[in-house]
Amino acid sequence: MIIMESQGKKTTKRGKSVDDKFEDFYFEDTSYRTTLNEKFKNRKPWKAQDPKLIVGVIPGTIVEVFVTEGQDLKKGEPLLILEAMKMRNVVCMPLDGIVKSILVEKGAVIPKGHLLVEIE
């Protein structure tokens, strides 16, 4: 939509009046003129996850823990197995580091977002 200004009044290219409820929205260096609802305005801003905190992305049961605290591991090495909906998911090291603490044990039932392992 193209917005023009004529005699101090904002109009679209088709001549329709534009309410003041429109706001500028920026996405990838492009500006858009649109309405934003209250849910969008009050959304929780996205924050990058700390790669040194391993959290469960789905609820499930810890089937096996392969590491111990203080163990030096390389990226890609398995940490534990999380079973969810009859599927076994191997949780691996996201980066090289030392296991600072293990916050779960074999047989534990965890919710989504539960902190599993901390890495130094």
PDB file of N, CA and C in Angstrom:
ATOM      1  N   MET A   1       0.843  -1.157   0.000  1.00  0.00           N
ATOM      2  CA  MET A   1       0.000   0.000   0.000  1.00  0.00           C
ATOM      3  C   MET A   1       0.897   1.230   0.000  1.00  0.00           C
ATOM      4  N   ILE A   2       0.580   2.185  -0.823  1.00  0.00           N
ATOM      5  CA  ILE A   2       1.338   3.422  -0.901  1.00  0.00           C
ATOM      6  C   ILE A   2       0.569   4.487  -0.130  1.00  0.00           C
ATOM      7  N   ILE A   3       1.247   5.167   0.786  1.00  0.00           N
ATOM      8  CA  ILE A   3       0.623   6.213   1.590  1.00  0.00           C
ATOM      9  C   ILE A   3       1.075   7.566   1.044  1.00  0.00           C
ATOM     10  N   MET A   4       0.127   8.448   0.784  1.00  0.00           N
ATOM     11  CA  MET A   4       0.459   9.790   0.325  1.00  0.00           C
ATOM     12  C   MET A   4      -0.100  10.791   1.319  1.00  0.00           C
ATOM     13  N   GLU A   5       0.482  11.956   1.326  1.00  0.00           N
ATOM     14  CA  GLU A   5      -0.001  12.997   2.208  1.00  0.00           C
ATOM     15  C   GLU A   5      -0.567  14.114   1.349  1.00  0.00           C
ATOM     16  N   SER A   6      -1.820  14.497   1.618  1.00  0.00           N
ATOM     17  CA  SER A   6      -2.411  15.566   0.827  1.00  0.00           C
ATOM     18  C   SER A   6      -3.142  16.504   1.782  1.00  0.00           C
ATOM     19  N   GLN A   7      -2.754  17.759   1.812  1.00  0.00           N
ATOM     20  CA  GLN A   7      -3.327  18.794   2.669  1.00  0.00           C
ATOM     21  C   GLN A   7      -3.333  18.366   4.136  1.00  0.00           C
ATOM     22  N   GLY A   8      -2.217  17.751   4.581  1.00  0.00           N
ATOM     23  CA  GLY A   8      -2.093  17.355   5.978  1.00  0.00           C
ATOM     24  C   GLY A   8      -2.888  16.117   6.333  1.00  0.00           C
ATOM     25  N   LYS A   9      -3.584  15.522   5.365  1.00  0.00           N
ATOM     26  CA  LYS A   9      -4.396  14.335   5.615  1.00  0.00           C
ATOM     27  C   LYS A   9      -3.760  13.150   4.909  1.00  0.00           C
ATOM     28  N   LYS A  10      -3.578  12.059   5.629  1.00  0.00           N
ATOM     29  CA  LYS A  10      -2.969  10.868   5.029  1.00  0.00           C
ATOM     30  C   LYS A  10      -4.028  10.094   4.258  1.00  0.00           C
ATOM     31  N   THR A  11      -3.685   9.719   3.042  1.00  0.00           N
ATOM     32  CA  THR A  11      -4.599   8.911   2.236  1.00  0.00           C
ATOM     33  C   THR A  11      -3.806   7.810   1.551  1.00  0.00           C
ATOM     34  N   THR A  12      -4.480   6.754   1.169  1.00  0.00           N
ATOM     35  CA  THR A  12      -3.833   5.704   0.392  1.00  0.00           C
ATOM     36  C   THR A  12      -3.856   6.111  -1.074  1.00  0.00           C
ATOM     37  N   LYS A  13      -3.239   5.321  -1.919  1.00  0.00           N
ATOM     38  CA  LYS A  13      -3.212   5.618  -3.347  1.00  0.00           C
ATOM     39  C   LYS A  13      -4.629   5.624  -3.918  1.00  0.00           C
ATOM     40  N   ARG A  14      -5.501   4.828  -3.325  1.00  0.00           N
ATOM     41  CA  ARG A  14      -6.888   4.749  -3.795  1.00  0.00           C
ATOM     42  C   ARG A  14      -7.749   5.872  -3.204  1.00  0.00           C
ATOM     43  N   GLY A  15      -7.155   6.701  -2.317  1.00  0.00           N
ATOM     44  CA  GLY A  15      -7.885   7.837  -1.783  1.00  0.00           C
ATOM     45  C   GLY A  15      -8.606   7.570  -0.467  1.00  0.00           C
ATOM     46  N   LYS A  16      -8.469   6.382   0.088  1.00  0.00           N
ATOM     47  CA  LYS A  16      -9.130   6.072   1.351  1.00  0.00           C
ATOM     48  C   LYS A  16      -8.357   6.708   2.501  1.00  0.00           C
ATOM     49  N   SER A  17      -9.061   7.113   3.544  1.00  0.00           N
ATOM     50  CA  SER A  17      -8.435   7.733   4.714  1.00  0.00           C
ATOM     51  C   SER A  17      -7.694   6.674   5.525  1.00  0.00           C
ATOM     52  N   VAL A  18      -6.555   7.055   6.082  1.00  0.00           N
ATOM     53  CA  VAL A  18      -5.748   6.154   6.893  1.00  0.00           C
ATOM     54  C   VAL A  18      -5.867   6.577   8.347  1.00  0.00           C
ATOM     55  N   ASP A  19      -6.296   5.648   9.209  1.00  0.00           N
ATOM     56  CA  ASP A  19      -6.434   5.952  10.637  1.00  0.00           C
ATOM     57  C   ASP A  19      -5.070   6.061  11.295  1.00  0.00           C
ATOM     58  N   ASP A  20      -5.034   6.709  12.434  1.00  0.00           N
ATOM     59  CA  ASP A  20      -3.791   6.833  13.188  1.00  0.00           C
ATOM     60  C   ASP A  20      -3.415   5.535  13.895  1.00  0.00           C
ATOM     61  N   LYS A  21      -4.241   4.503  13.795  1.00  0.00           N
ATOM     62  CA  LYS A  21      -3.918   3.237  14.449  1.00  0.00           C
ATOM     63  C   LYS A  21      -2.825   2.456  13.705  1.00  0.00           C
ATOM     64  N   PHE A  22      -2.475   2.891  12.521  1.00  0.00           N
ATOM     65  CA  PHE A  22      -1.400   2.245  11.782  1.00  0.00           C
ATOM     66  C   PHE A  22      -0.058   2.591  12.396  1.00  0.00           C
ATOM     67  N   GLU A  23       0.845   1.637  12.387  1.00  0.00           N
ATOM     68  CA  GLU A  23       2.177   1.824  12.946  1.00  0.00           C
ATOM     69  C   GLU A  23       3.210   1.328  11.952  1.00  0.00           C
ATOM     70  N   ASP A  24       4.431   1.838  12.098  1.00  0.00           N
ATOM     71  CA  ASP A  24       5.525   1.360  11.268  1.00  0.00           C
ATOM     72  C   ASP A  24       6.080   0.081  11.871  1.00  0.00           C
ATOM     73  N   PHE A  25       6.207  -0.946  11.062  1.00  0.00           N
ATOM     74  CA  PHE A  25       6.737  -2.246  11.471  1.00  0.00           C
ATOM     75  C   PHE A  25       7.941  -2.524  10.596  1.00  0.00           C
ATOM     76  N   TYR A  26       9.091  -2.816  11.232  1.00  0.00           N
ATOM     77  CA  TYR A  26      10.321  -3.040  10.499  1.00  0.00           C
ATOM     78  C   TYR A  26      10.680  -4.523  10.512  1.00  0.00           C
ATOM     79  N   PHE A  27      10.978  -5.059   9.331  1.00  0.00           N
ATOM     80  CA  PHE A  27      11.387  -6.450   9.196  1.00  0.00           C
ATOM     81  C   PHE A  27      12.434  -6.530   8.104  1.00  0.00           C
ATOM     82  N   GLU A  28      13.633  -7.027   8.486  1.00  0.00           N
ATOM     83  CA  GLU A  28      14.739  -7.163   7.539  1.00  0.00           C
ATOM     84  C   GLU A  28      14.971  -5.882   6.749  1.00  0.00           C
ATOM     85  N   ASP A  29      15.138  -4.786   7.463  1.00  0.00           N
ATOM     86  CA  ASP A  29      15.451  -3.476   6.889  1.00  0.00           C
ATOM     87  C   ASP A  29      14.371  -2.921   5.959  1.00  0.00           C
ATOM     88  N   THR A  30      13.147  -3.431   6.056  1.00  0.00           N
ATOM     89  CA  THR A  30      12.045  -2.917   5.261  1.00  0.00           C
ATOM     90  C   THR A  30      10.967  -2.427   6.217  1.00  0.00           C
ATOM     91  N   SER A  31      10.416  -1.269   5.933  1.00  0.00           N
ATOM     92  CA  SER A  31       9.373  -0.679   6.772  1.00  0.00           C
ATOM     93  C   SER A  31       8.001  -0.996   6.178  1.00  0.00           C
ATOM     94  N   TYR A  32       7.082  -1.416   7.036  1.00  0.00           N
ATOM     95  CA  TYR A  32       5.711  -1.690   6.626  1.00  0.00           C
ATOM     96  C   TYR A  32       4.782  -0.844   7.489  1.00  0.00           C
ATOM     97  N   ARG A  33       3.707  -0.360   6.917  1.00  0.00           N
ATOM     98  CA  ARG A  33       2.704   0.403   7.650  1.00  0.00           C
ATOM     99  C   ARG A  33       1.541  -0.541   7.868  1.00  0.00           C
ATOM    100  N   THR A  34       1.251  -0.866   9.131  1.00  0.00           N
ATOM    101  CA  THR A  34       0.247  -1.879   9.425  1.00  0.00           C
ATOM    102  C   THR A  34      -0.369  -1.646  10.799  1.00  0.00           C
ATOM    103  N   THR A  35      -1.342  -2.446  11.143  1.00  0.00           N
ATOM    104  CA  THR A  35      -1.889  -2.410  12.506  1.00  0.00           C
ATOM    105  C   THR A  35      -1.272  -3.558  13.286  1.00  0.00           C
ATOM    106  N   LEU A  36      -0.996  -3.325  14.538  1.00  0.00           N
ATOM    107  CA  LEU A  36      -0.432  -4.342  15.406  1.00  0.00           C
ATOM    108  C   LEU A  36      -1.425  -4.584  16.538  1.00  0.00           C
ATOM    109  N   ASN A  37      -1.824  -5.850  16.741  1.00  0.00           N
ATOM    110  CA  ASN A  37      -2.779  -6.129  17.803  1.00  0.00           C
ATOM    111  C   ASN A  37      -2.078  -6.149  19.168  1.00  0.00           C
ATOM    112  N   GLU A  38      -2.853  -6.137  20.224  1.00  0.00           N
ATOM    113  CA  GLU A  38      -2.305  -6.090  21.584  1.00  0.00           C
ATOM    114  C   GLU A  38      -1.475  -7.333  21.900  1.00  0.00           C
ATOM    115  N   LYS A  39      -1.894  -8.494  21.387  1.00  0.00           N
ATOM    116  CA  LYS A  39      -1.140  -9.722  21.625  1.00  0.00           C
ATOM    117  C   LYS A  39       0.272  -9.583  21.051  1.00  0.00           C
ATOM    118  N   PHE A  40       0.386  -9.016  19.866  1.00  0.00           N
ATOM    119  CA  PHE A  40       1.704  -8.825  19.257  1.00  0.00           C
ATOM    120  C   PHE A  40       2.529  -7.804  20.031  1.00  0.00           C
ATOM    121  N   LYS A  41       1.906  -6.716  20.452  1.00  0.00           N
ATOM    122  CA  LYS A  41       2.614  -5.672  21.187  1.00  0.00           C
ATOM    123  C   LYS A  41       3.131  -6.171  22.534  1.00  0.00           C
ATOM    124  N   ASN A  42       2.396  -7.096  23.171  1.00  0.00           N
ATOM    125  CA  ASN A  42       2.761  -7.598  24.501  1.00  0.00           C
ATOM    126  C   ASN A  42       3.521  -8.918  24.455  1.00  0.00           C
ATOM    127  N   ARG A  43       3.980  -9.327  23.281  1.00  0.00           N
ATOM    128  CA  ARG A  43       4.671 -10.609  23.162  1.00  0.00           C
ATOM    129  C   ARG A  43       5.996 -10.584  23.926  1.00  0.00           C
ATOM    130  N   LYS A  44       6.420 -11.765  24.309  1.00  0.00           N
ATOM    131  CA  LYS A  44       7.709 -11.909  24.979  1.00  0.00           C
ATOM    132  C   LYS A  44       8.794 -11.839  23.922  1.00  0.00           C
ATOM    133  N   PRO A  45       9.756 -10.922  24.073  1.00  0.00           N
ATOM    134  CA  PRO A  45      10.797 -10.812  23.052  1.00  0.00           C
ATOM    135  C   PRO A  45      11.660 -12.073  22.987  1.00  0.00           C
ATOM    136  N   TRP A  46      12.097 -12.429  21.773  1.00  0.00           N
ATOM    137  CA  TRP A  46      12.922 -13.605  21.569  1.00  0.00           C
ATOM    138  C   TRP A  46      14.302 -13.368  22.175  1.00  0.00           C
ATOM    139  N   LYS A  47      14.828 -14.393  22.825  1.00  0.00           N
ATOM    140  CA  LYS A  47      16.147 -14.310  23.427  1.00  0.00           C
ATOM    141  C   LYS A  47      16.901 -15.587  23.061  1.00  0.00           C
ATOM    142  N   ALA A  48      18.119 -15.431  22.604  1.00  0.00           N
ATOM    143  CA  ALA A  48      18.926 -16.596  22.233  1.00  0.00           C
ATOM    144  C   ALA A  48      19.210 -17.451  23.468  1.00  0.00           C
ATOM    145  N   GLN A  49      19.125 -18.753  23.300  1.00  0.00           N
ATOM    146  CA  GLN A  49      19.383 -19.673  24.398  1.00  0.00           C
ATOM    147  C   GLN A  49      20.883 -19.786  24.650  1.00  0.00           C
ATOM    148  N   ASP A  50      21.256 -19.908  25.901  1.00  0.00           N
ATOM    149  CA  ASP A  50      22.658 -20.090  26.274  1.00  0.00           C
ATOM    150  C   ASP A  50      23.069 -21.508  25.876  1.00  0.00           C
ATOM    151  N   PRO A  51      24.065 -21.674  24.988  1.00  0.00           N
ATOM    152  CA  PRO A  51      24.451 -23.018  24.547  1.00  0.00           C
ATOM    153  C   PRO A  51      25.080 -23.866  25.655  1.00  0.00           C
ATOM    154  N   LYS A  52      25.430 -23.243  26.781  1.00  0.00           N
ATOM    155  CA  LYS A  52      26.024 -23.994  27.886  1.00  0.00           C
ATOM    156  C   LYS A  52      24.972 -24.563  28.833  1.00  0.00           C
ATOM    157  N   LEU A  53      23.706 -24.281  28.573  1.00  0.00           N
ATOM    158  CA  LEU A  53      22.605 -24.835  29.350  1.00  0.00           C
ATOM    159  C   LEU A  53      21.793 -25.749  28.453  1.00  0.00           C
ATOM    160  N   ILE A  54      21.842 -27.056  28.718  1.00  0.00           N
ATOM    161  CA  ILE A  54      21.117 -28.038  27.904  1.00  0.00           C
ATOM    162  C   ILE A  54      19.758 -28.265  28.556  1.00  0.00           C
ATOM    163  N   VAL A  55      18.686 -27.942  27.817  1.00  0.00           N
ATOM    164  CA  VAL A  55      17.333 -28.110  28.337  1.00  0.00           C
ATOM    165  C   VAL A  55      16.576 -29.134  27.500  1.00  0.00           C
ATOM    166  N   GLY A  56      15.596 -29.771  28.118  1.00  0.00           N
ATOM    167  CA  GLY A  56      14.753 -30.722  27.407  1.00  0.00           C
ATOM    168  C   GLY A  56      13.770 -29.982  26.516  1.00  0.00           C
ATOM    169  N   VAL A  57      13.753 -30.306  25.235  1.00  0.00           N
ATOM    170  CA  VAL A  57      12.853 -29.623  24.302  1.00  0.00           C
ATOM    171  C   VAL A  57      11.466 -30.268  24.260  1.00  0.00           C
ATOM    172  N   ILE A  58      11.347 -31.468  24.844  1.00  0.00           N
ATOM    173  CA  ILE A  58      10.063 -32.153  24.945  1.00  0.00           C
ATOM    174  C   ILE A  58       9.984 -32.823  26.310  1.00  0.00           C
ATOM    175  N   PRO A  59       8.776 -33.037  26.832  1.00  0.00           N
ATOM    176  CA  PRO A  59       8.666 -33.768  28.089  1.00  0.00           C
ATOM    177  C   PRO A  59       8.969 -35.243  27.862  1.00  0.00           C
ATOM    178  N   GLY A  60       9.527 -35.904  28.862  1.00  0.00           N
ATOM    179  CA  GLY A  60       9.850 -37.318  28.709  1.00  0.00           C
ATOM    180  C   GLY A  60      10.533 -37.888  29.924  1.00  0.00           C
ATOM    181  N   THR A  61      11.129 -39.056  29.744  1.00  0.00           N
ATOM    182  CA  THR A  61      11.808 -39.790  30.813  1.00  0.00           C
ATOM    183  C   THR A  61      13.275 -39.970  30.447  1.00  0.00           C
ATOM    184  N   ILE A  62      14.156 -39.744  31.425  1.00  0.00           N
ATOM    185  CA  ILE A  62      15.586 -39.954  31.217  1.00  0.00           C
ATOM    186  C   ILE A  62      15.848 -41.456  31.308  1.00  0.00           C
ATOM    187  N   VAL A  63      16.316 -42.046  30.211  1.00  0.00           N
ATOM    188  CA  VAL A  63      16.549 -43.488  30.144  1.00  0.00           C
ATOM    189  C   VAL A  63      17.986 -43.823  30.545  1.00  0.00           C
ATOM    190  N   GLU A  64      18.939 -42.997  30.130  1.00  0.00           N
ATOM    191  CA  GLU A  64      20.350 -43.278  30.390  1.00  0.00           C
ATOM    192  C   GLU A  64      21.112 -41.966  30.454  1.00  0.00           C
ATOM    193  N   VAL A  65      22.074 -41.887  31.383  1.00  0.00           N
ATOM    194  CA  VAL A  65      22.984 -40.740  31.461  1.00  0.00           C
ATOM    195  C   VAL A  65      24.386 -41.284  31.205  1.00  0.00           C
ATOM    196  N   PHE A  66      25.061 -40.744  30.190  1.00  0.00           N
ATOM    197  CA  PHE A  66      26.370 -41.256  29.784  1.00  0.00           C
ATOM    198  C   PHE A  66      27.552 -40.524  30.404  1.00  0.00           C
ATOM    199  N   VAL A  67      27.347 -39.370  31.000  1.00  0.00           N
ATOM    200  CA  VAL A  67      28.457 -38.530  31.454  1.00  0.00           C
ATOM    201  C   VAL A  67      28.457 -38.359  32.971  1.00  0.00           C
ATOM    202  N   THR A  68      29.585 -37.863  33.474  1.00  0.00           N
ATOM    203  CA  THR A  68      29.704 -37.537  34.896  1.00  0.00           C
ATOM    204  C   THR A  68      30.172 -36.092  35.014  1.00  0.00           C
ATOM    205  N   GLU A  69      29.957 -35.509  36.177  1.00  0.00           N
ATOM    206  CA  GLU A  69      30.401 -34.133  36.403  1.00  0.00           C
ATOM    207  C   GLU A  69      31.923 -34.057  36.305  1.00  0.00           C
ATOM    208  N   GLY A  70      32.412 -32.999  35.657  1.00  0.00           N
ATOM    209  CA  GLY A  70      33.842 -32.808  35.483  1.00  0.00           C
ATOM    210  C   GLY A  70      34.417 -33.475  34.256  1.00  0.00           C
ATOM    211  N   GLN A  71      33.613 -34.225  33.529  1.00  0.00           N
ATOM    212  CA  GLN A  71      34.087 -34.933  32.343  1.00  0.00           C
ATOM    213  C   GLN A  71      34.289 -33.957  31.187  1.00  0.00           C
ATOM    214  N   ASP A  72      35.416 -34.099  30.489  1.00  0.00           N
ATOM    215  CA  ASP A  72      35.752 -33.269  29.337  1.00  0.00           C
ATOM    216  C   ASP A  72      35.184 -33.934  28.081  1.00  0.00           C
ATOM    217  N   LEU A  73      34.342 -33.199  27.330  1.00  0.00           N
ATOM    218  CA  LEU A  73      33.696 -33.769  26.149  1.00  0.00           C
ATOM    219  C   LEU A  73      33.889 -32.887  24.934  1.00  0.00           C
ATOM    220  N   LYS A  74      33.779 -33.504  23.771  1.00  0.00           N
ATOM    221  CA  LYS A  74      33.856 -32.807  22.490  1.00  0.00           C
ATOM    222  C   LYS A  74      32.449 -32.635  21.918  1.00  0.00           C
ATOM    223  N   LYS A  75      32.304 -31.678  21.006  1.00  0.00           N
ATOM    224  CA  LYS A  75      31.034 -31.427  20.351  1.00  0.00           C
ATOM    225  C   LYS A  75      30.526 -32.702  19.673  1.00  0.00           C
ATOM    226  N   GLY A  76      29.245 -33.022  19.879  1.00  0.00           N
ATOM    227  CA  GLY A  76      28.626 -34.181  19.245  1.00  0.00           C
ATOM    228  C   GLY A  76      28.616 -35.444  20.079  1.00  0.00           C
ATOM    229  N   GLU A  77      29.366 -35.484  21.191  1.00  0.00           N
ATOM    230  CA  GLU A  77      29.365 -36.679  22.037  1.00  0.00           C
ATOM    231  C   GLU A  77      28.046 -36.769  22.795  1.00  0.00           C
ATOM    232  N   PRO A  78      27.506 -37.980  22.987  1.00  0.00           N
ATOM    233  CA  PRO A  78      26.215 -38.134  23.664  1.00  0.00           C
ATOM    234  C   PRO A  78      26.292 -37.820  25.154  1.00  0.00           C
ATOM    235  N   LEU A  79      25.256 -37.138  25.653  1.00  0.00           N
ATOM    236  CA  LEU A  79      25.141 -36.811  27.072  1.00  0.00           C
ATOM    237  C   LEU A  79      24.173 -37.769  27.771  1.00  0.00           C
ATOM    238  N   LEU A  80      22.986 -37.939  27.167  1.00  0.00           N
ATOM    239  CA  LEU A  80      21.954 -38.768  27.778  1.00  0.00           C
ATOM    240  C   LEU A  80      20.923 -39.166  26.737  1.00  0.00           C
ATOM    241  N   ILE A  81      20.034 -40.058  27.138  1.00  0.00           N
ATOM    242  CA  ILE A  81      18.914 -40.457  26.277  1.00  0.00           C
ATOM    243  C   ILE A  81      17.631 -40.011  26.960  1.00  0.00           C
ATOM    244  N   LEU A  82      16.799 -39.284  26.204  1.00  0.00           N
ATOM    245  CA  LEU A  82      15.502 -38.812  26.669  1.00  0.00           C
ATOM    246  C   LEU A  82      14.430 -39.540  25.861  1.00  0.00           C
ATOM    247  N   GLU A  83      13.601 -40.320  26.549  1.00  0.00           N
ATOM    248  CA  GLU A  83      12.534 -41.051  25.864  1.00  0.00           C
ATOM    249  C   GLU A  83      11.247 -40.260  25.954  1.00  0.00           C
ATOM    250  N   ALA A  84      10.621 -40.074  24.800  1.00  0.00           N
ATOM    251  CA  ALA A  84       9.351 -39.355  24.733  1.00  0.00           C
ATOM    252  C   ALA A  84       8.487 -40.006  23.666  1.00  0.00           C
ATOM    253  N   MET A  85       7.269 -40.336  23.996  1.00  0.00           N
ATOM    254  CA  MET A  85       6.316 -40.947  23.065  1.00  0.00           C
ATOM    255  C   MET A  85       6.912 -42.182  22.377  1.00  0.00           C
ATOM    256  N   LYS A  86       7.552 -43.037  23.156  1.00  0.00           N
ATOM    257  CA  LYS A  86       8.151 -44.295  22.713  1.00  0.00           C
ATOM    258  C   LYS A  86       9.324 -44.111  21.746  1.00  0.00           C
ATOM    259  N   MET A  87       9.875 -42.900  21.702  1.00  0.00           N
ATOM    260  CA  MET A  87      11.057 -42.642  20.878  1.00  0.00           C
ATOM    261  C   MET A  87      12.204 -42.254  21.799  1.00  0.00           C
ATOM    262  N   ARG A  88      13.368 -42.757  21.502  1.00  0.00           N
ATOM    263  CA  ARG A  88      14.551 -42.442  22.299  1.00  0.00           C
ATOM    264  C   ARG A  88      15.364 -41.384  21.573  1.00  0.00           C
ATOM    265  N   ASN A  89      15.552 -40.236  22.237  1.00  0.00           N
ATOM    266  CA  ASN A  89      16.280 -39.112  21.675  1.00  0.00           C
ATOM    267  C   ASN A  89      17.618 -38.981  22.372  1.00  0.00           C
ATOM    268  N   VAL A  90      18.694 -39.051  21.610  1.00  0.00           N
ATOM    269  CA  VAL A  90      20.032 -38.902  22.166  1.00  0.00           C
ATOM    270  C   VAL A  90      20.346 -37.410  22.207  1.00  0.00           C
ATOM    271  N   VAL A  91      20.608 -36.890  23.404  1.00  0.00           N
ATOM    272  CA  VAL A  91      20.974 -35.488  23.581  1.00  0.00           C
ATOM    273  C   VAL A  91      22.495 -35.422  23.550  1.00  0.00           C
ATOM    274  N   CYS A  92      23.038 -34.617  22.629  1.00  0.00           N
ATOM    275  CA  CYS A  92      24.489 -34.547  22.431  1.00  0.00           C
ATOM    276  C   CYS A  92      25.048 -33.187  22.838  1.00  0.00           C
ATOM    277  N   MET A  93      26.372 -33.167  23.023  1.00  0.00           N
ATOM    278  CA  MET A  93      27.082 -31.933  23.366  1.00  0.00           C
ATOM    279  C   MET A  93      26.976 -30.938  22.214  1.00  0.00           C
ATOM    280  N   PRO A  94      26.559 -29.691  22.488  1.00  0.00           N
ATOM    281  CA  PRO A  94      26.472 -28.693  21.420  1.00  0.00           C
ATOM    282  C   PRO A  94      27.811 -28.025  21.120  1.00  0.00           C
ATOM    283  N   LEU A  95      28.786 -28.174  22.032  1.00  0.00           N
ATOM    284  CA  LEU A  95      30.098 -27.553  21.874  1.00  0.00           C
ATOM    285  C   LEU A  95      31.119 -28.284  22.734  1.00  0.00           C
ATOM    286  N   ASP A  96      32.385 -28.027  22.514  1.00  0.00           N
ATOM    287  CA  ASP A  96      33.429 -28.614  23.356  1.00  0.00           C
ATOM    288  C   ASP A  96      33.354 -27.994  24.746  1.00  0.00           C
ATOM    289  N   GLY A  97      33.551 -28.800  25.787  1.00  0.00           N
ATOM    290  CA  GLY A  97      33.521 -28.259  27.134  1.00  0.00           C
ATOM    291  C   GLY A  97      33.574 -29.327  28.210  1.00  0.00           C
ATOM    292  N   ILE A  98      33.451 -28.858  29.450  1.00  0.00           N
ATOM    293  CA  ILE A  98      33.476 -29.737  30.620  1.00  0.00           C
ATOM    294  C   ILE A  98      32.094 -29.722  31.252  1.00  0.00           C
ATOM    295  N   VAL A  99      31.602 -30.892  31.656  1.00  0.00           N
ATOM    296  CA  VAL A  99      30.297 -30.997  32.292  1.00  0.00           C
ATOM    297  C   VAL A  99      30.400 -30.395  33.692  1.00  0.00           C
ATOM    298  N   LYS A 100      29.690 -29.295  33.900  1.00  0.00           N
ATOM    299  CA  LYS A 100      29.706 -28.610  35.198  1.00  0.00           C
ATOM    300  C   LYS A 100      28.779 -29.313  36.184  1.00  0.00           C
ATOM    301  N   SER A 101      27.553 -29.600  35.757  1.00  0.00           N
ATOM    302  CA  SER A 101      26.619 -30.303  36.637  1.00  0.00           C
ATOM    303  C   SER A 101      25.572 -31.054  35.812  1.00  0.00           C
ATOM    304  N   ILE A 102      25.108 -32.153  36.384  1.00  0.00           N
ATOM    305  CA  ILE A 102      24.049 -32.965  35.783  1.00  0.00           C
ATOM    306  C   ILE A 102      22.849 -32.827  36.710  1.00  0.00           C
ATOM    307  N   LEU A 103      21.748 -32.323  36.191  1.00  0.00           N
ATOM    308  CA  LEU A 103      20.600 -32.004  37.014  1.00  0.00           C
ATOM    309  C   LEU A 103      19.466 -33.021  36.906  1.00  0.00           C
ATOM    310  N   VAL A 104      19.733 -34.155  36.264  1.00  0.00           N
ATOM    311  CA  VAL A 104      18.746 -35.231  36.153  1.00  0.00           C
ATOM    312  C   VAL A 104      19.436 -36.559  36.448  1.00  0.00           C
ATOM    313  N   GLU A 105      18.634 -37.559  36.701  1.00  0.00           N
ATOM    314  CA  GLU A 105      19.170 -38.907  36.907  1.00  0.00           C
ATOM    315  C   GLU A 105      18.314 -39.903  36.143  1.00  0.00           C
ATOM    316  N   LYS A 106      18.823 -41.095  35.976  1.00  0.00           N
ATOM    317  CA  LYS A 106      18.116 -42.142  35.245  1.00  0.00           C
ATOM    318  C   LYS A 106      16.749 -42.383  35.881  1.00  0.00           C
ATOM    319  N   GLY A 107      15.717 -42.420  35.048  1.00  0.00           N
ATOM    320  CA  GLY A 107      14.353 -42.657  35.516  1.00  0.00           C
ATOM    321  C   GLY A 107      13.562 -41.396  35.820  1.00  0.00           C
ATOM    322  N   ALA A 108      14.209 -40.241  35.803  1.00  0.00           N
ATOM    323  CA  ALA A 108      13.507 -38.986  36.102  1.00  0.00           C
ATOM    324  C   ALA A 108      12.550 -38.618  34.970  1.00  0.00           C
ATOM    325  N   VAL A 109      11.354 -38.156  35.335  1.00  0.00           N
ATOM    326  CA  VAL A 109      10.377 -37.673  34.369  1.00  0.00           C
ATOM    327  C   VAL A 109      10.480 -36.150  34.372  1.00  0.00           C
ATOM    328  N   ILE A 110      10.745 -35.586  33.208  1.00  0.00           N
ATOM    329  CA  ILE A 110      10.980 -34.145  33.129  1.00  0.00           C
ATOM    330  C   ILE A 110       9.940 -33.448  32.248  1.00  0.00           C
ATOM    331  N   PRO A 111       9.624 -32.191  32.557  1.00  0.00           N
ATOM    332  CA  PRO A 111       8.739 -31.409  31.686  1.00  0.00           C
ATOM    333  C   PRO A 111       9.544 -30.731  30.585  1.00  0.00           C
ATOM    334  N   LYS A 112       8.853 -30.185  29.615  1.00  0.00           N
ATOM    335  CA  LYS A 112       9.506 -29.421  28.551  1.00  0.00           C
ATOM    336  C   LYS A 112      10.205 -28.211  29.175  1.00  0.00           C
ATOM    337  N   GLY A 113      11.419 -27.918  28.719  1.00  0.00           N
ATOM    338  CA  GLY A 113      12.162 -26.765  29.208  1.00  0.00           C
ATOM    339  C   GLY A 113      12.957 -27.010  30.474  1.00  0.00           C
ATOM    340  N   HIS A 114      12.963 -28.242  30.980  1.00  0.00           N
ATOM    341  CA  HIS A 114      13.701 -28.565  32.210  1.00  0.00           C
ATOM    342  C   HIS A 114      15.205 -28.563  31.928  1.00  0.00           C
ATOM    343  N   LEU A 115      15.981 -27.957  32.827  1.00  0.00           N
ATOM    344  CA  LEU A 115      17.428 -27.909  32.678  1.00  0.00           C
ATOM    345  C   LEU A 115      18.010 -29.294  32.963  1.00  0.00           C
ATOM    346  N   LEU A 116      18.756 -29.845  32.006  1.00  0.00           N
ATOM    347  CA  LEU A 116      19.302 -31.189  32.123  1.00  0.00           C
ATOM    348  C   LEU A 116      20.772 -31.174  32.548  1.00  0.00           C
ATOM    349  N   VAL A 117      21.591 -30.413  31.822  1.00  0.00           N
ATOM    350  CA  VAL A 117      23.030 -30.420  32.031  1.00  0.00           C
ATOM    351  C   VAL A 117      23.563 -28.997  31.871  1.00  0.00           C
ATOM    352  N   GLU A 118      24.547 -28.632  32.719  1.00  0.00           N
ATOM    353  CA  GLU A 118      25.259 -27.366  32.566  1.00  0.00           C
ATOM    354  C   GLU A 118      26.685 -27.657  32.119  1.00  0.00           C
ATOM    355  N   ILE A 119      27.201 -26.831  31.219  1.00  0.00           N
ATOM    356  CA  ILE A 119      28.553 -27.019  30.686  1.00  0.00           C
ATOM    357  C   ILE A 119      29.396 -25.794  31.021  1.00  0.00           C
ATOM    358  N   GLU A 120      30.662 -26.037  31.367  1.00  0.00           N
ATOM    359  CA  GLU A 120      31.588 -24.934  31.643  1.00  0.00           C
ATOM    360  C   GLU A 120      32.239 -24.493  30.361  1.00  0.00           C
TER     361      GLU A 120
END
